[in-house]
């Protein structure tokens, strides 16, 4: 499995304004914890975070994190993105791991093939984009493929239809729906209900404001 090399620097507890300056300089404040060792506050270059995300395994990539000459194997546990600025991150949590211990990870589900139900006029409805797996860090799959070629209108594929590596354990319920093909009329009704819900949500605040004004 691909490993990403990242250099981090230790950081002291700072004020909000100092954290803002740190982020403006292109650094991402974070913390390293786990394996019964003390948590360590760090900062890493945002370019290194992007490199991790762009690697084949994404956030499931094994990271060799070096802090003042001490190198540890970690994985991204949580990454907070800036909601206003693209490719900017406000915080990252790295979890120390042992290559001999299994851990829980989220792995994306990739659909392959063209569903026969879509060719018949149905609408493909993805219901689950990723599944939870428990496996060794070195055996985390980049994705789980699901062939939808034989999926007809009105049919659903579930977690039980997924094939995962023999060494991995699926943590989702087997009957949890992953993808289905809805009949054309059902798809139209679902779209109409979504539009009505949006209109109601937009109208609610306006009505509330009028009541408050009265």
C-alpha atoms as a PDB file:
ATOM      1  CA  UNK A   1       0.000   0.000   0.000  1.00  0.00           C
ATOM      2  CA  UNK A   2       1.206   3.492  -0.870  1.00  0.00           C
ATOM      3  CA  UNK A   3       2.755   5.453   1.990  1.00  0.00           C
ATOM      4  CA  UNK A   4       2.994   9.227   2.096  1.00  0.00           C
ATOM      5  CA  UNK A   5       5.912  11.025   3.743  1.00  0.00           C
ATOM      6  CA  UNK A   6       4.931  14.125   5.733  1.00  0.00           C
ATOM      7  CA  UNK A   7       7.067  16.476   7.798  1.00  0.00           C
ATOM      8  CA  UNK A   8       5.312  18.147  10.736  1.00  0.00           C
ATOM      9  CA  UNK A   9       6.422  20.764  13.216  1.00  0.00           C
ATOM     10  CA  UNK A  10       5.400  20.898  16.887  1.00  0.00           C
ATOM     11  CA  UNK A  11       3.276  23.843  17.962  1.00  0.00           C
ATOM     12  CA  UNK A  12       2.466  25.415  21.271  1.00  0.00           C
ATOM     13  CA  UNK A  13      -1.016  26.284  22.454  1.00  0.00           C
ATOM     14  CA  UNK A  14      -1.847  29.535  20.708  1.00  0.00           C
ATOM     15  CA  UNK A  15      -4.624  32.108  20.491  1.00  0.00           C
ATOM     16  CA  UNK A  16      -7.304  32.210  17.784  1.00  0.00           C
ATOM     17  CA  UNK A  17      -5.537  35.068  16.043  1.00  0.00           C
ATOM     18  CA  UNK A  18      -2.274  33.104  15.992  1.00  0.00           C
ATOM     19  CA  UNK A  19      -4.095  30.068  14.572  1.00  0.00           C
ATOM     20  CA  UNK A  20      -5.504  32.304  11.859  1.00  0.00           C
ATOM     21  CA  UNK A  21      -2.004  33.542  11.022  1.00  0.00           C
ATOM     22  CA  UNK A  22      -0.790  29.937  10.929  1.00  0.00           C
ATOM     23  CA  UNK A  23      -3.493  28.954   8.441  1.00  0.00           C
ATOM     24  CA  UNK A  24      -2.880  32.061   6.337  1.00  0.00           C
ATOM     25  CA  UNK A  25       0.757  31.004   6.034  1.00  0.00           C
ATOM     26  CA  UNK A  26      -0.324  27.720   4.420  1.00  0.00           C
ATOM     27  CA  UNK A  27      -0.014  25.525   7.494  1.00  0.00           C
ATOM     28  CA  UNK A  28      -2.709  23.320   9.014  1.00  0.00           C
ATOM     29  CA  UNK A  29      -2.888  22.982  12.807  1.00  0.00           C
ATOM     30  CA  UNK A  30      -3.477  19.458  14.043  1.00  0.00           C
ATOM     31  CA  UNK A  31      -2.890  16.820  16.661  1.00  0.00           C
ATOM     32  CA  UNK A  32      -1.364  13.360  16.786  1.00  0.00           C
ATOM     33  CA  UNK A  33      -2.787  10.860  19.275  1.00  0.00           C
ATOM     34  CA  UNK A  34      -3.326   7.164  19.923  1.00  0.00           C
ATOM     35  CA  UNK A  35      -1.385   4.039  20.905  1.00  0.00           C
ATOM     36  CA  UNK A  36      -1.528   5.132  24.566  1.00  0.00           C
ATOM     37  CA  UNK A  37       1.033   7.875  23.934  1.00  0.00           C
ATOM     38  CA  UNK A  38       0.514  11.529  24.785  1.00  0.00           C
ATOM     39  CA  UNK A  39      -1.249  13.698  22.253  1.00  0.00           C
ATOM     40  CA  UNK A  40       1.074  16.097  20.438  1.00  0.00           C
ATOM     41  CA  UNK A  41       0.010  19.398  18.879  1.00  0.00           C
ATOM     42  CA  UNK A  42       1.528  19.867  15.430  1.00  0.00           C
ATOM     43  CA  UNK A  43       1.234  21.805  12.200  1.00  0.00           C
ATOM     44  CA  UNK A  44       1.677  20.452   8.666  1.00  0.00           C
ATOM     45  CA  UNK A  45       1.907  22.090   5.272  1.00  0.00           C
ATOM     46  CA  UNK A  46      -1.462  22.176   3.501  1.00  0.00           C
ATOM     47  CA  UNK A  47       0.305  20.912   0.354  1.00  0.00           C
ATOM     48  CA  UNK A  48       1.085  17.675   2.210  1.00  0.00           C
ATOM     49  CA  UNK A  49      -2.595  17.260   3.106  1.00  0.00           C
ATOM     50  CA  UNK A  50      -3.499  17.689  -0.557  1.00  0.00           C
ATOM     51  CA  UNK A  51      -0.865  15.086  -1.503  1.00  0.00           C
ATOM     52  CA  UNK A  52      -2.486  12.615   0.902  1.00  0.00           C
ATOM     53  CA  UNK A  53      -5.956  13.265  -0.515  1.00  0.00           C
ATOM     54  CA  UNK A  54      -4.717  12.896  -4.084  1.00  0.00           C
ATOM     55  CA  UNK A  55      -3.025   9.562  -3.406  1.00  0.00           C
ATOM     56  CA  UNK A  56      -4.853   6.397  -4.450  1.00  0.00           C
ATOM     57  CA  UNK A  57      -6.093   5.581  -0.951  1.00  0.00           C
ATOM     58  CA  UNK A  58      -7.053   9.166  -0.073  1.00  0.00           C
ATOM     59  CA  UNK A  59      -7.673   9.682   3.634  1.00  0.00           C
ATOM     60  CA  UNK A  60      -7.010   5.964   4.194  1.00  0.00           C
ATOM     61  CA  UNK A  61      -3.381   6.413   3.115  1.00  0.00           C
ATOM     62  CA  UNK A  62      -0.683   5.323   5.528  1.00  0.00           C
ATOM     63  CA  UNK A  63       1.350   8.369   6.493  1.00  0.00           C
ATOM     64  CA  UNK A  64       4.913   8.351   7.783  1.00  0.00           C
ATOM     65  CA  UNK A  65       4.736  11.470   9.933  1.00  0.00           C
ATOM     66  CA  UNK A  66       8.057  12.926  11.071  1.00  0.00           C
ATOM     67  CA  UNK A  67       8.116  15.325  14.035  1.00  0.00           C
ATOM     68  CA  UNK A  68      11.529  16.571  15.189  1.00  0.00           C
ATOM     69  CA  UNK A  69      13.278  13.449  13.932  1.00  0.00           C
ATOM     70  CA  UNK A  70      10.715  11.058  15.405  1.00  0.00           C
ATOM     71  CA  UNK A  71       8.769   9.182  12.712  1.00  0.00           C
ATOM     72  CA  UNK A  72       5.393   7.552  13.371  1.00  0.00           C
ATOM     73  CA  UNK A  73       2.922   5.679  11.189  1.00  0.00           C
ATOM     74  CA  UNK A  74      -0.429   7.464  11.249  1.00  0.00           C
ATOM     75  CA  UNK A  75      -3.672   7.765   9.345  1.00  0.00           C
ATOM     76  CA  UNK A  76      -5.972  10.765   8.997  1.00  0.00           C
ATOM     77  CA  UNK A  77      -8.777  10.362  11.521  1.00  0.00           C
ATOM     78  CA  UNK A  78     -10.506  13.673  10.918  1.00  0.00           C
ATOM     79  CA  UNK A  79      -9.962  16.509   8.481  1.00  0.00           C
ATOM     80  CA  UNK A  80     -11.856  19.798   8.668  1.00  0.00           C
ATOM     81  CA  UNK A  81     -12.111  21.743   5.423  1.00  0.00           C
ATOM     82  CA  UNK A  82     -12.569  25.492   5.142  1.00  0.00           C
ATOM     83  CA  UNK A  83     -16.127  26.034   3.906  1.00  0.00           C
ATOM     84  CA  UNK A  84     -15.188  29.260   2.124  1.00  0.00           C
ATOM     85  CA  UNK A  85     -11.785  28.574   0.555  1.00  0.00           C
ATOM     86  CA  UNK A  86     -11.044  25.605  -1.683  1.00  0.00           C
ATOM     87  CA  UNK A  87      -8.078  23.357  -0.782  1.00  0.00           C
ATOM     88  CA  UNK A  88      -7.756  25.010   2.595  1.00  0.00           C
ATOM     89  CA  UNK A  89      -8.068  23.065   5.842  1.00  0.00           C
ATOM     90  CA  UNK A  90      -8.636  24.339   9.352  1.00  0.00           C
ATOM     91  CA  UNK A  91      -7.633  21.258  11.361  1.00  0.00           C
ATOM     92  CA  UNK A  92      -6.377  17.690  11.009  1.00  0.00           C
ATOM     93  CA  UNK A  93      -6.301  14.784  13.445  1.00  0.00           C
ATOM     94  CA  UNK A  94      -3.731  12.026  12.893  1.00  0.00           C
ATOM     95  CA  UNK A  95      -4.211   8.671  14.613  1.00  0.00           C
ATOM     96  CA  UNK A  96      -1.153   6.618  15.505  1.00  0.00           C
ATOM     97  CA  UNK A  97      -1.589   3.022  14.321  1.00  0.00           C
ATOM     98  CA  UNK A  98       0.086  -0.353  14.581  1.00  0.00           C
ATOM     99  CA  UNK A  99       0.501  -2.269  11.344  1.00  0.00           C
ATOM    100  CA  UNK A 100      -0.353  -5.437  13.280  1.00  0.00           C
ATOM    101  CA  UNK A 101      -3.713  -4.248  14.616  1.00  0.00           C
ATOM    102  CA  UNK A 102      -6.925  -4.014  12.605  1.00  0.00           C
ATOM    103  CA  UNK A 103      -8.725  -0.685  12.476  1.00  0.00           C
ATOM    104  CA  UNK A 104     -12.072   0.609  11.242  1.00  0.00           C
ATOM    105  CA  UNK A 105     -12.062   2.658   8.043  1.00  0.00           C
ATOM    106  CA  UNK A 106     -14.550   4.047   5.545  1.00  0.00           C
ATOM    107  CA  UNK A 107     -14.047   2.739   2.006  1.00  0.00           C
ATOM    108  CA  UNK A 108     -15.852   4.158  -1.059  1.00  0.00           C
ATOM    109  CA  UNK A 109     -18.188   1.992  -3.134  1.00  0.00           C
ATOM    110  CA  UNK A 110     -17.633   2.234  -6.898  1.00  0.00           C
ATOM    111  CA  UNK A 111     -20.376   1.161  -9.306  1.00  0.00           C
ATOM    112  CA  UNK A 112     -19.290  -0.630 -12.486  1.00  0.00           C
ATOM    113  CA  UNK A 113     -21.290  -1.457 -15.585  1.00  0.00           C
ATOM    114  CA  UNK A 114     -24.510   0.061 -16.925  1.00  0.00           C
ATOM    115  CA  UNK A 115     -27.692  -1.006 -15.162  1.00  0.00           C
ATOM    116  CA  UNK A 116     -30.194  -2.672 -17.495  1.00  0.00           C
ATOM    117  CA  UNK A 117     -32.959  -0.866 -15.605  1.00  0.00           C
ATOM    118  CA  UNK A 118     -31.571   2.518 -16.636  1.00  0.00           C
ATOM    119  CA  UNK A 119     -31.622   1.411 -20.278  1.00  0.00           C
ATOM    120  CA  UNK A 120     -35.305   0.554 -19.716  1.00  0.00           C
ATOM    121  CA  UNK A 121     -36.021   4.110 -18.579  1.00  0.00           C
ATOM    122  CA  UNK A 122     -35.441   3.794 -14.845  1.00  0.00           C
ATOM    123  CA  UNK A 123     -33.326   6.110 -12.715  1.00  0.00           C
ATOM    124  CA  UNK A 124     -30.248   4.920 -10.855  1.00  0.00           C
ATOM    125  CA  UNK A 125     -30.410   5.852  -7.169  1.00  0.00           C
ATOM    126  CA  UNK A 126     -27.139   5.461  -5.228  1.00  0.00           C
ATOM    127  CA  UNK A 127     -28.024   5.042  -1.543  1.00  0.00           C
ATOM    128  CA  UNK A 128     -24.678   4.254   0.074  1.00  0.00           C
ATOM    129  CA  UNK A 129     -21.433   5.847  -1.071  1.00  0.00           C
ATOM    130  CA  UNK A 130     -19.067   4.127   1.364  1.00  0.00           C
ATOM    131  CA  UNK A 131     -18.982   1.205   3.764  1.00  0.00           C
ATOM    132  CA  UNK A 132     -17.231   0.527   7.062  1.00  0.00           C
ATOM    133  CA  UNK A 133     -14.501  -2.098   7.039  1.00  0.00           C
ATOM    134  CA  UNK A 134     -12.278  -3.547   9.732  1.00  0.00           C
ATOM    135  CA  UNK A 135      -8.917  -4.688   8.427  1.00  0.00           C
ATOM    136  CA  UNK A 136      -5.168  -4.358   8.796  1.00  0.00           C
ATOM    137  CA  UNK A 137      -3.769  -0.951   7.797  1.00  0.00           C
ATOM    138  CA  UNK A 138      -1.685  -2.520   5.045  1.00  0.00           C
ATOM    139  CA  UNK A 139      -4.734  -4.258   3.554  1.00  0.00           C
ATOM    140  CA  UNK A 140      -7.159  -1.348   3.248  1.00  0.00           C
ATOM    141  CA  UNK A 141      -8.716  -1.518  -0.243  1.00  0.00           C
ATOM    142  CA  UNK A 142      -8.838   1.699  -2.242  1.00  0.00           C
ATOM    143  CA  UNK A 143     -12.495   0.992  -3.053  1.00  0.00           C
ATOM    144  CA  UNK A 144     -15.135  -1.728  -3.197  1.00  0.00           C
ATOM    145  CA  UNK A 145     -16.527  -2.357  -6.683  1.00  0.00           C
ATOM    146  CA  UNK A 146     -20.152  -3.342  -7.257  1.00  0.00           C
ATOM    147  CA  UNK A 147     -21.315  -4.530 -10.684  1.00  0.00           C
ATOM    148  CA  UNK A 148     -24.764  -3.061 -11.370  1.00  0.00           C
ATOM    149  CA  UNK A 149     -25.113  -4.380 -14.932  1.00  0.00           C
ATOM    150  CA  UNK A 150     -27.989  -6.776 -14.103  1.00  0.00           C
ATOM    151  CA  UNK A 151     -29.898  -4.337 -11.890  1.00  0.00           C
ATOM    152  CA  UNK A 152     -33.434  -3.957 -13.265  1.00  0.00           C
ATOM    153  CA  UNK A 153     -36.181  -1.438 -12.550  1.00  0.00           C
ATOM    154  CA  UNK A 154     -37.487  -1.860  -9.007  1.00  0.00           C
ATOM    155  CA  UNK A 155     -34.489  -3.902  -7.864  1.00  0.00           C
ATOM    156  CA  UNK A 156     -32.001  -3.062  -5.114  1.00  0.00           C
ATOM    157  CA  UNK A 157     -28.488  -4.233  -4.319  1.00  0.00           C
ATOM    158  CA  UNK A 158     -27.496  -4.392  -0.661  1.00  0.00           C
ATOM    159  CA  UNK A 159     -24.325  -4.578   1.397  1.00  0.00           C
ATOM    160  CA  UNK A 160     -24.683  -8.355   1.242  1.00  0.00           C
ATOM    161  CA  UNK A 161     -24.003  -8.151  -2.502  1.00  0.00           C
ATOM    162  CA  UNK A 162     -20.595  -6.558  -1.971  1.00  0.00           C
ATOM    163  CA  UNK A 163     -17.401  -8.571  -2.256  1.00  0.00           C
ATOM    164  CA  UNK A 164     -14.631  -7.517   0.119  1.00  0.00           C
ATOM    165  CA  UNK A 165     -11.148  -8.933   0.689  1.00  0.00           C
ATOM    166  CA  UNK A 166     -11.148 -12.152   2.719  1.00  0.00           C
ATOM    167  CA  UNK A 167      -9.049 -10.478   5.413  1.00  0.00           C
ATOM    168  CA  UNK A 168     -11.562  -7.627   5.862  1.00  0.00           C
ATOM    169  CA  UNK A 169     -14.762  -7.557   7.889  1.00  0.00           C
ATOM    170  CA  UNK A 170     -17.795  -5.587   6.707  1.00  0.00           C
ATOM    171  CA  UNK A 171     -19.360  -3.683   9.595  1.00  0.00           C
ATOM    172  CA  UNK A 172     -22.528  -2.516   7.822  1.00  0.00           C
ATOM    173  CA  UNK A 173     -25.723  -4.569   8.093  1.00  0.00           C
ATOM    174  CA  UNK A 174     -26.038  -7.023   5.201  1.00  0.00           C
ATOM    175  CA  UNK A 175     -29.546  -5.812   4.278  1.00  0.00           C
ATOM    176  CA  UNK A 176     -28.562  -2.135   4.067  1.00  0.00           C
ATOM    177  CA  UNK A 177     -29.415  -0.817   0.596  1.00  0.00           C
ATOM    178  CA  UNK A 178     -26.519   0.340  -1.583  1.00  0.00           C
ATOM    179  CA  UNK A 179     -28.123   1.172  -4.929  1.00  0.00           C
ATOM    180  CA  UNK A 180     -31.462   0.739  -6.674  1.00  0.00           C
ATOM    181  CA  UNK A 181     -33.194   1.561  -9.938  1.00  0.00           C
ATOM    182  CA  UNK A 182     -36.462   3.445  -9.534  1.00  0.00           C
ATOM    183  CA  UNK A 183     -39.293   3.309 -12.044  1.00  0.00           C
ATOM    184  CA  UNK A 184     -39.674   6.541 -14.058  1.00  0.00           C
ATOM    185  CA  UNK A 185     -42.870   7.594 -12.246  1.00  0.00           C
ATOM    186  CA  UNK A 186     -41.354   6.941  -8.816  1.00  0.00           C
ATOM    187  CA  UNK A 187     -38.311   8.993  -9.729  1.00  0.00           C
ATOM    188  CA  UNK A 188     -40.535  11.901 -10.836  1.00  0.00           C
ATOM    189  CA  UNK A 189     -42.515  11.779  -7.578  1.00  0.00           C
ATOM    190  CA  UNK A 190     -39.314  11.732  -5.528  1.00  0.00           C
ATOM    191  CA  UNK A 191     -38.058  14.785  -7.438  1.00  0.00           C
ATOM    192  CA  UNK A 192     -41.374  16.609  -6.938  1.00  0.00           C
ATOM    193  CA  UNK A 193     -41.338  15.864  -3.193  1.00  0.00           C
ATOM    194  CA  UNK A 194     -37.786  17.221  -3.010  1.00  0.00           C
ATOM    195  CA  UNK A 195     -38.844  20.436  -4.747  1.00  0.00           C
ATOM    196  CA  UNK A 196     -41.843  20.861  -2.455  1.00  0.00           C
ATOM    197  CA  UNK A 197     -39.616  20.352   0.575  1.00  0.00           C
ATOM    198  CA  UNK A 198     -37.202  23.007  -0.677  1.00  0.00           C
ATOM    199  CA  UNK A 199     -40.036  25.473  -1.288  1.00  0.00           C
ATOM    200  CA  UNK A 200     -41.409  24.863   2.206  1.00  0.00           C
ATOM    201  CA  UNK A 201     -37.974  25.363   3.736  1.00  0.00           C
ATOM    202  CA  UNK A 202     -37.563  28.656   1.888  1.00  0.00           C
ATOM    203  CA  UNK A 203     -41.027  29.866   2.893  1.00  0.00           C
ATOM    204  CA  UNK A 204     -40.696  28.978   6.582  1.00  0.00           C
ATOM    205  CA  UNK A 205     -38.125  31.625   7.563  1.00  0.00           C
ATOM    206  CA  UNK A 206     -40.124  34.323   5.754  1.00  0.00           C
ATOM    207  CA  UNK A 207     -43.273  33.412   7.667  1.00  0.00           C
ATOM    208  CA  UNK A 208     -41.357  33.344  10.922  1.00  0.00           C
ATOM    209  CA  UNK A 209     -40.002  36.818  10.228  1.00  0.00           C
ATOM    210  CA  UNK A 210     -43.491  38.158   9.566  1.00  0.00           C
ATOM    211  CA  UNK A 211     -44.786  36.696  12.849  1.00  0.00           C
ATOM    212  CA  UNK A 212     -41.876  38.254  14.698  1.00  0.00           C
ATOM    213  CA  UNK A 213     -42.575  41.636  13.088  1.00  0.00           C
ATOM    214  CA  UNK A 214     -46.220  41.494  14.107  1.00  0.00           C
END
